[in-house]
Amino acid sequence: MREARLDLGLLFLRLGGAGLLLAVHGLPKALNFRQQLGLIEDPLHLGAWPTLAFAVFAEVLCPLLIALGWATRLACLPILMLLLIALVAVHPEWSLEQGQFGWLLLVLFGTLALTGPGRYSLAAWLARRRAPRGGFARVLS
């Protein structure tokens, strides 16, 4: 029972965090890409297009992978990098209160990077389907 609650908690964390990041940051950037090119800050001096493309990748594709529970730990890494750059390099003047959404997302995706997606994920479902049936493997599942 405790494991089931833990897995439900990870599912809630994945869906909630991915949904918020996608809705608040990812989709507005992706749907208004041209307009966003003139607005995006470029703290690493890579150029507006590569910077915005990376932000869209981290805020659209990665949350979708996390919501599905596929390559979750790996998908958290670009998000964590983007959040750290935003909080430390782009907005160093923000107080903790002003940056609280970013810091909370950092905690949320950092947690998922450490724990993985849990049992209610595409990765776990595929692993169960590939597992040999019967015998010793059946006892372990």
Protein backbone atom coordinates (compact mmCIF):
# COMPACT_ATOMS: atom_id res chain seq x y z
CA MET A 1 0.00 0.00 0.00
CA ARG A 2 2.83 2.42 0.88
CA GLU A 3 4.54 1.78 -2.48
CA ALA A 4 1.29 2.44 -4.35
CA ARG A 5 0.90 5.80 -2.58
CA LEU A 6 4.51 6.67 -3.37
CA ASP A 7 3.98 5.84 -7.05
CA LEU A 8 0.76 7.89 -7.10
CA GLY A 9 2.69 10.77 -5.55
CA LEU A 10 5.36 10.54 -8.25
CA LEU A 11 2.65 10.45 -10.93
CA PHE A 12 1.04 13.55 -9.41
CA LEU A 13 4.44 15.28 -9.25
CA ARG A 14 5.23 14.39 -12.87
CA LEU A 15 1.87 15.45 -14.28
CA GLY A 16 1.56 18.59 -12.16
CA GLY A 17 5.08 19.87 -12.75
CA ALA A 18 5.13 19.00 -16.44
CA GLY A 19 1.69 20.54 -16.97
CA LEU A 20 2.63 23.79 -15.23
CA LEU A 21 5.93 24.17 -17.06
CA LEU A 22 4.34 23.37 -20.40
CA ALA A 23 1.32 25.68 -19.94
CA VAL A 24 3.03 28.65 -18.30
CA HIS A 25 6.35 28.70 -20.18
CA GLY A 26 6.63 26.13 -22.98
CA LEU A 27 3.52 26.58 -25.08
CA PRO A 28 3.61 30.40 -25.07
CA LYS A 29 7.21 30.28 -26.33
CA ALA A 30 6.51 27.60 -28.94
CA LEU A 31 3.29 29.18 -30.24
CA ASN A 32 4.84 32.65 -30.47
CA PHE A 33 8.36 31.65 -31.48
CA ARG A 34 9.04 34.61 -33.80
CA GLN A 35 7.80 37.15 -31.29
CA GLN A 36 9.77 35.48 -28.50
CA LEU A 37 13.01 35.76 -30.54
CA GLY A 38 12.97 39.49 -29.88
CA LEU A 39 12.24 39.07 -26.18
CA ILE A 40 14.45 36.21 -25.02
CA GLU A 41 17.56 36.99 -23.02
CA ASP A 42 20.79 35.34 -24.14
CA PRO A 43 22.99 34.99 -21.04
CA LEU A 44 25.37 32.48 -22.65
CA HIS A 45 25.76 34.59 -25.84
CA LEU A 46 24.72 31.76 -28.15
CA GLY A 47 22.28 33.87 -30.14
CA ALA A 48 18.53 34.34 -29.80
CA TRP A 49 17.53 31.40 -32.02
CA PRO A 50 19.62 28.67 -30.32
CA THR A 51 18.73 30.02 -26.87
CA LEU A 52 15.00 30.04 -27.63
CA ALA A 53 15.19 26.63 -29.35
CA PHE A 54 16.81 25.17 -26.22
CA ALA A 55 14.17 26.81 -24.01
CA VAL A 56 11.36 25.35 -26.16
CA PHE A 57 13.04 21.93 -26.08
CA ALA A 58 13.36 22.09 -22.27
CA GLU A 59 9.88 23.53 -21.69
CA VAL A 60 7.85 21.58 -24.30
CA LEU A 61 9.47 18.27 -25.25
CA CYS A 62 11.00 17.48 -21.86
CA PRO A 63 7.74 18.05 -19.90
CA LEU A 64 5.90 15.80 -22.37
CA LEU A 65 8.47 13.03 -21.81
CA ILE A 66 8.22 13.53 -18.04
CA ALA A 67 4.42 13.41 -18.10
CA LEU A 68 4.59 10.12 -20.00
CA GLY A 69 7.27 8.79 -17.70
CA TRP A 70 9.69 8.06 -20.51
CA ALA A 71 13.38 8.99 -20.03
CA THR A 72 12.24 11.01 -17.02
CA ARG A 73 15.59 11.45 -15.31
CA LEU A 74 17.27 12.48 -18.55
CA ALA A 75 14.40 14.84 -19.47
CA CYS A 76 14.78 16.62 -16.12
CA LEU A 77 18.37 17.66 -16.85
CA PRO A 78 17.69 20.33 -19.55
CA ILE A 79 14.91 21.76 -17.38
CA LEU A 80 17.20 21.95 -14.35
CA MET A 81 19.91 23.60 -16.45
CA LEU A 82 17.45 26.13 -17.89
CA LEU A 83 16.05 26.95 -14.45
CA LEU A 84 19.50 27.44 -12.93
CA ILE A 85 20.57 29.72 -15.78
CA ALA A 86 17.33 31.72 -15.48
CA LEU A 87 17.59 32.11 -11.72
CA VAL A 88 21.33 32.71 -11.42
CA ALA A 89 22.35 34.43 -14.68
CA VAL A 90 19.23 36.02 -16.16
CA HIS A 91 17.49 37.16 -12.97
CA PRO A 92 20.15 37.41 -10.25
CA GLU A 93 18.36 40.46 -8.84
CA TRP A 94 15.23 38.49 -7.98
CA SER A 95 14.48 37.95 -4.33
CA LEU A 96 13.52 34.49 -3.14
CA GLU A 97 9.89 35.62 -3.23
CA GLN A 98 10.14 36.86 -6.82
CA GLY A 99 11.82 33.66 -7.99
CA GLN A 100 9.78 31.24 -5.92
CA PHE A 101 8.07 29.61 -8.94
CA GLY A 102 11.44 28.88 -10.52
CA TRP A 103 12.91 27.56 -7.26
CA LEU A 104 9.87 25.33 -6.69
CA LEU A 105 10.20 23.93 -10.21
CA LEU A 106 13.88 23.33 -9.51
CA VAL A 107 12.97 21.34 -6.39
CA LEU A 108 10.21 19.46 -8.22
CA PHE A 109 12.28 18.42 -11.25
CA GLY A 110 15.33 17.79 -9.07
CA THR A 111 13.23 15.36 -7.04
CA LEU A 112 12.09 13.57 -10.20
CA ALA A 113 15.68 13.42 -11.47
CA LEU A 114 16.62 11.64 -8.24
CA THR A 115 13.60 9.32 -7.93
CA GLY A 116 12.66 8.52 -11.51
CA PRO A 117 9.07 8.28 -12.74
CA GLY A 118 7.67 5.54 -10.50
CA ARG A 119 5.53 2.55 -11.38
CA TYR A 120 2.78 4.51 -13.17
CA SER A 121 4.89 5.46 -16.17
CA LEU A 122 5.44 4.43 -19.75
CA ALA A 123 8.95 3.20 -18.90
CA ALA A 124 7.66 0.92 -16.13
CA TRP A 125 4.81 -0.34 -18.30
CA LEU A 126 7.20 -1.21 -21.13
CA ALA A 127 9.57 -2.91 -18.69
CA ARG A 128 6.71 -5.06 -17.37
CA ARG A 129 5.68 -6.02 -20.91
CA ARG A 130 9.25 -7.06 -21.81
CA ALA A 131 9.77 -9.08 -18.64
CA PRO A 132 9.69 -12.85 -19.16
CA ARG A 133 6.50 -14.48 -17.92
CA GLY A 134 6.37 -17.26 -15.37
CA GLY A 135 8.97 -18.84 -13.18
CA PHE A 136 11.43 -16.84 -11.17
CA ALA A 137 10.74 -13.50 -12.96
CA ARG A 138 7.07 -13.76 -12.02
CA VAL A 139 7.96 -14.07 -8.33
CA LEU A 140 10.13 -10.93 -8.50
CA SER A 141 7.47 -8.64 -10.03
